[in-house]
Amino acid sequence: MIQLDTYDKRILKLLQTDGRISNQELADSIGLSPAACWRRVKALEEAGVIRGFVALVESRQVGQPLCVMAMVTLLRHSADSTVEFEERVKQYPEVLQCYAVTGTADFMLRVVIPDMESYDRFLNEKIFTISGISQVHSNFALREIKNETAIPV
């Protein structure tokens, strides 16, 4: 973790709101010269604070309306089975997020998919082909209440 000063925090807040803002507009908004602002943004990128810039796509608009939270439990908790699961899941484009979690499951996946048939195929052709899977509990999102990407700084 790096120390963020007031300028860094303002840069991060503005970029999280509008990642397409020009350097000039960003500099004007926070009261820095464009060169100083650019250096700070580059330093935040190099330090890993800013991971990248992306377009946020509405999943329903591109034919991926089903959102599933899949809680995956492994048969055993060996390093080999965990590593295999993690490496395989990283390859699946349907899996937007994967977390190792505490509680009754070992992993939580956020999956977007077109329909139930596709989710059934995803489970049978991808998840259940990974050795060491004990069970998968799937929770389907009925509606989205909040989905933010901005980290409070």
Protein backbone atom coordinates (compact mmCIF):
# COMPACT_ATOMS: atom_id res chain seq x y z
CA MET A 1 0.00 0.00 0.00
CA ILE A 2 1.32 3.43 -0.87
CA GLN A 3 0.60 6.74 0.77
CA LEU A 4 -1.90 8.78 -1.22
CA ASP A 5 -1.98 12.53 -0.81
CA THR A 6 -4.96 14.78 -1.52
CA TYR A 7 -4.06 15.17 -5.21
CA ASP A 8 -3.70 11.42 -5.70
CA LYS A 9 -7.08 10.80 -4.09
CA ARG A 10 -8.75 13.43 -6.25
CA ILE A 11 -7.15 11.95 -9.36
CA LEU A 12 -8.43 8.50 -8.44
CA LYS A 13 -11.95 9.75 -7.69
CA LEU A 14 -12.18 11.57 -11.01
CA LEU A 15 -10.69 8.76 -13.08
CA GLN A 16 -13.06 6.24 -11.51
CA THR A 17 -15.96 8.46 -12.52
CA ASP A 18 -14.66 9.23 -16.02
CA GLY A 19 -11.71 7.19 -17.26
CA ARG A 20 -11.83 9.02 -20.60
CA ILE A 21 -11.21 12.47 -19.10
CA SER A 22 -8.31 14.21 -20.82
CA ASN A 23 -5.16 14.92 -18.87
CA GLN A 24 -5.79 18.64 -19.34
CA GLU A 25 -9.32 18.39 -17.89
CA LEU A 26 -8.06 16.24 -15.03
CA ALA A 27 -5.25 18.67 -14.24
CA ASP A 28 -7.64 21.64 -14.36
CA SER A 29 -10.12 19.86 -12.07
CA ILE A 30 -7.58 19.17 -9.35
CA GLY A 31 -5.42 22.29 -9.66
CA LEU A 32 -2.19 20.85 -11.05
CA SER A 33 -0.24 21.51 -14.22
CA PRO A 34 -0.86 18.96 -16.97
CA ALA A 35 2.74 17.67 -16.66
CA ALA A 36 2.48 17.18 -12.89
CA CYS A 37 -0.90 15.50 -13.27
CA TRP A 38 0.41 13.16 -15.98
CA ARG A 39 3.40 12.20 -13.77
CA ARG A 40 1.08 11.39 -10.86
CA VAL A 41 -1.20 9.24 -13.02
CA LYS A 42 1.82 7.37 -14.41
CA ALA A 43 3.21 6.87 -10.88
CA LEU A 44 -0.17 5.50 -9.73
CA GLU A 45 -0.16 3.09 -12.68
CA GLU A 46 3.42 1.97 -12.05
CA ALA A 47 2.68 1.42 -8.34
CA GLY A 48 -0.26 -0.82 -9.29
CA VAL A 49 -2.86 1.51 -7.77
CA ILE A 50 -4.41 2.00 -11.21
CA ARG A 51 -4.68 -1.43 -12.83
CA GLY A 52 -5.92 -0.21 -16.19
CA PHE A 53 -8.67 1.61 -18.03
CA VAL A 54 -11.73 -0.21 -19.35
CA ALA A 55 -15.17 0.30 -20.82
CA LEU A 56 -17.92 -1.00 -18.55
CA VAL A 57 -20.25 -3.12 -20.68
CA GLU A 58 -23.90 -3.78 -19.80
CA SER A 59 -24.14 -7.59 -19.80
CA ARG A 60 -27.83 -7.66 -20.76
CA GLN A 61 -27.14 -5.54 -23.84
CA VAL A 62 -24.62 -8.07 -25.15
CA GLY A 63 -26.71 -11.19 -24.57
CA GLN A 64 -25.38 -12.19 -21.14
CA PRO A 65 -28.38 -11.42 -18.87
CA LEU A 66 -27.98 -14.25 -16.36
CA CYS A 67 -25.74 -13.54 -13.36
CA VAL A 68 -24.86 -16.45 -11.09
CA MET A 69 -22.98 -16.55 -7.80
CA ALA A 70 -21.53 -20.04 -7.66
CA MET A 71 -20.20 -21.27 -4.33
CA VAL A 72 -17.67 -24.04 -5.01
CA THR A 73 -16.47 -26.53 -2.41
CA LEU A 74 -13.44 -28.75 -2.98
CA LEU A 75 -13.11 -32.36 -1.80
CA ARG A 76 -9.77 -31.69 -0.13
CA HIS A 77 -7.71 -28.63 0.58
CA SER A 78 -4.35 -29.53 -0.88
CA ALA A 79 -2.16 -27.05 -2.70
CA ASP A 80 -2.43 -29.10 -5.91
CA SER A 81 -6.24 -29.14 -6.01
CA THR A 82 -6.47 -25.45 -5.17
CA VAL A 83 -3.91 -24.44 -7.79
CA GLU A 84 -5.57 -26.57 -10.47
CA PHE A 85 -8.98 -25.04 -9.73
CA GLU A 86 -7.65 -21.48 -9.73
CA GLU A 87 -5.69 -21.92 -12.97
CA ARG A 88 -8.63 -23.50 -14.81
CA VAL A 89 -11.15 -20.90 -13.63
CA LYS A 90 -8.89 -18.05 -14.80
CA GLN A 91 -9.28 -19.40 -18.34
CA TYR A 92 -13.10 -19.24 -18.39
CA PRO A 93 -14.41 -15.97 -19.85
CA GLU A 94 -17.82 -16.51 -18.22
CA VAL A 95 -16.20 -16.15 -14.80
CA LEU A 96 -15.82 -12.43 -14.14
CA GLN A 97 -14.64 -12.79 -10.56
CA CYS A 98 -13.31 -15.60 -8.42
CA TYR A 99 -12.60 -15.28 -4.72
CA ALA A 100 -11.18 -17.74 -2.21
CA VAL A 101 -13.62 -17.38 0.67
CA THR A 102 -14.22 -18.44 4.24
CA GLY A 103 -17.34 -20.24 5.39
CA THR A 104 -19.07 -23.27 3.94
CA ALA A 105 -17.55 -22.92 0.44
CA ASP A 106 -13.97 -22.57 -0.71
CA PHE A 107 -14.51 -20.28 -3.70
CA MET A 108 -17.13 -17.86 -4.92
CA LEU A 109 -17.48 -17.24 -8.65
CA ARG A 110 -19.47 -14.49 -10.34
CA VAL A 111 -20.54 -15.87 -13.68
CA VAL A 112 -22.41 -14.13 -16.52
CA ILE A 113 -24.09 -16.30 -19.09
CA PRO A 114 -26.90 -16.12 -21.69
CA ASP A 115 -29.34 -18.64 -20.20
CA MET A 116 -29.89 -21.67 -17.99
CA GLU A 117 -28.89 -24.13 -20.71
CA SER A 118 -25.58 -22.33 -21.11
CA TYR A 119 -25.03 -22.42 -17.36
CA ASP A 120 -25.75 -26.16 -17.32
CA ARG A 121 -23.14 -26.64 -20.08
CA PHE A 122 -20.69 -24.38 -18.22
CA LEU A 123 -21.00 -26.54 -15.10
CA ASN A 124 -20.83 -29.90 -16.90
CA GLU A 125 -18.17 -29.07 -19.49
CA LYS A 126 -15.95 -26.81 -17.43
CA ILE A 127 -16.44 -26.75 -13.66
CA PHE A 128 -17.25 -30.44 -13.13
CA THR A 129 -14.28 -31.47 -15.29
CA ILE A 130 -11.90 -30.00 -12.71
CA SER A 131 -10.72 -32.74 -10.39
CA GLY A 132 -11.47 -32.34 -6.72
CA ILE A 133 -14.83 -30.54 -6.93
CA SER A 134 -17.13 -31.62 -4.12
CA GLN A 135 -20.16 -29.45 -4.79
CA VAL A 136 -21.41 -26.24 -6.36
CA HIS A 137 -24.24 -24.16 -4.93
CA SER A 138 -25.61 -21.70 -7.48
CA ASN A 139 -27.45 -18.51 -6.57
CA PHE A 140 -29.09 -16.66 -9.45
CA ALA A 141 -29.41 -12.89 -9.31
CA LEU A 142 -33.04 -11.82 -9.61
CA ARG A 143 -32.20 -8.16 -10.10
CA GLU A 144 -29.22 -5.89 -9.66
CA ILE A 145 -29.51 -3.51 -6.71
CA LYS A 146 -26.01 -2.04 -6.71
CA ASN A 147 -23.01 -2.66 -8.93
CA GLU A 148 -20.26 -0.10 -8.42
CA THR A 149 -16.70 -0.18 -9.66
CA ALA A 150 -15.33 2.88 -7.83
CA ILE A 151 -13.18 2.13 -4.78
CA PRO A 152 -13.69 4.72 -2.00
CA VAL A 153 -10.47 6.69 -1.50
